[in-house]
Each structure stands twice: as structure tokens, then as C-alpha cells.
Amino acid sequence: MATTDRLDLKLSSSDKQLLQQAAAIEGISVAAFVRLAAKQRASEAIQLDRAFSLSRRDYETFQAALAEPFRPNEALLQALNQVQTRVQRV
């Protein structure tokens, strides 16, 4: 992994000691420890942002909608008809 970008941060001495101790326990440098911990936390934050939860009622409604066959509404049918008349097959 090419590491060309830098990220500087200020820490309290107690935070720095905590990171140094944890890095020593892991047997890696403080920079590597901070990089790994930050990447892991960033991934968790992104996953949490992408996830959503539903109430039981909403989940059942969602499942019922998925179980139903797809039926296009009138606007979609009109759009499909317009496309068919405009696009010529080769």
C-alpha cells in the first residue's frame, strides 16, 4: 500500500499514551495502529449510515410488497410506450 497522504492530529498526552500502549500490545507502530483503528471505525460508520431498520409492521408491509407481482402504473406504461415509438431496433 502506497502511503503518500498525511493526516495530522493533536492529542492529549493521555490519549497518546493510550495509543502507544495499545500499539505496543499489538506489536505494531502507533501510526499503523491508528490507521487500522481509524479505517475500521470509518467502515463501521459507513455501514451504519447505509443500514436502516424497520418496525415489525413496516417490515411486514415491505415483505408483502415484495411478494406481490410487479404492476407498472399508468405513468410508467406511457413512458415505455413513448420509448418504444422513439427507439428503432437495429
Protein backbone atom coordinates (compact mmCIF):
# COMPACT_ATOMS: atom_id res chain seq x y z
CA MET A 1 0.00 0.00 0.00
CA ALA A 2 1.49 3.31 -1.06
CA THR A 3 1.16 5.81 1.73
CA THR A 4 1.62 9.26 0.29
CA ASP A 5 -1.05 11.34 2.04
CA ARG A 6 -0.70 12.59 5.58
CA LEU A 7 -3.17 13.15 8.37
CA ASP A 8 -2.01 15.21 11.33
CA LEU A 9 -3.88 15.38 14.61
CA LYS A 10 -3.34 16.73 18.07
CA LEU A 11 -3.80 14.50 21.08
CA SER A 12 -3.73 14.88 24.79
CA SER A 13 -0.76 13.17 26.40
CA SER A 14 -3.09 10.60 27.96
CA ASP A 15 -4.61 9.76 24.55
CA LYS A 16 -1.12 9.42 23.07
CA GLN A 17 -0.05 7.11 25.88
CA LEU A 18 -3.18 5.02 25.38
CA LEU A 19 -2.45 4.65 21.66
CA GLN A 20 1.20 3.84 22.31
CA GLN A 21 0.27 1.17 24.83
CA ALA A 22 -2.29 -0.40 22.52
CA ALA A 23 0.12 -0.33 19.56
CA ALA A 24 2.82 -1.98 21.68
CA ILE A 25 0.39 -4.71 22.73
CA GLU A 26 -0.46 -5.32 19.06
CA GLY A 27 3.22 -5.24 18.13
CA ILE A 28 2.81 -2.51 15.54
CA SER A 29 3.71 1.15 15.23
CA VAL A 30 1.44 3.83 16.60
CA ALA A 31 0.86 5.08 13.04
CA ALA A 32 -0.17 1.61 11.88
CA PHE A 33 -2.41 1.15 14.91
CA VAL A 34 -4.13 4.50 14.40
CA ARG A 35 -4.51 3.84 10.66
CA LEU A 36 -6.07 0.40 11.25
CA ALA A 37 -8.35 1.62 14.03
CA ALA A 38 -9.49 4.64 12.03
CA LYS A 39 -10.19 2.54 8.92
CA GLN A 40 -12.19 0.03 10.96
CA ARG A 41 -14.23 2.76 12.63
CA ALA A 42 -14.78 4.52 9.30
CA SER A 43 -16.09 1.30 7.76
CA GLU A 44 -18.45 0.79 10.69
CA ALA A 45 -19.76 4.36 10.41
CA ILE A 46 -20.38 3.95 6.68
CA GLN A 47 -22.16 0.63 7.18
CA LEU A 48 -24.35 2.13 9.89
CA ASP A 49 -25.23 5.01 7.60
CA ARG A 50 -26.22 2.62 4.81
CA ALA A 51 -28.27 0.33 7.03
CA PHE A 52 -31.81 1.02 8.07
CA SER A 53 -34.18 -0.68 10.42
CA LEU A 54 -37.90 -1.11 10.19
CA SER A 55 -40.58 -1.62 12.75
CA ARG A 56 -42.24 -5.02 12.64
CA ARG A 57 -45.29 -3.51 10.92
CA ASP A 58 -43.16 -1.72 8.31
CA TYR A 59 -41.10 -4.87 7.74
CA GLU A 60 -44.25 -6.93 7.14
CA THR A 61 -45.60 -4.27 4.76
CA PHE A 62 -42.28 -4.25 2.90
CA GLN A 63 -42.23 -8.06 2.66
CA ALA A 64 -45.82 -8.11 1.40
CA ALA A 65 -44.94 -5.57 -1.29
CA LEU A 66 -42.00 -7.71 -2.39
CA ALA A 67 -44.19 -10.80 -2.57
CA GLU A 68 -46.66 -9.10 -4.92
CA PRO A 69 -46.02 -9.29 -8.66
CA PHE A 70 -44.81 -6.04 -10.20
CA ARG A 71 -47.53 -3.96 -11.81
CA PRO A 72 -46.39 -0.81 -13.60
CA ASN A 73 -48.50 2.27 -13.03
CA GLU A 74 -50.04 4.30 -15.84
CA ALA A 75 -47.18 6.82 -15.99
CA LEU A 76 -44.62 4.05 -16.45
CA LEU A 77 -46.71 2.37 -19.13
CA GLN A 78 -46.95 5.66 -21.04
CA ALA A 79 -43.21 6.22 -20.75
CA LEU A 80 -42.49 2.72 -22.04
CA ASN A 81 -44.83 3.27 -24.99
CA GLN A 82 -43.10 6.55 -25.82
CA VAL A 83 -39.70 4.90 -25.74
CA GLN A 84 -40.87 2.07 -27.96
CA THR A 85 -42.13 4.50 -30.58
CA ARG A 86 -38.92 6.58 -30.48
CA VAL A 87 -36.34 3.79 -30.42
CA GLN A 88 -35.94 1.69 -33.51
CA ARG A 89 -34.44 -1.74 -33.22
CA VAL A 90 -31.46 -2.43 -35.45
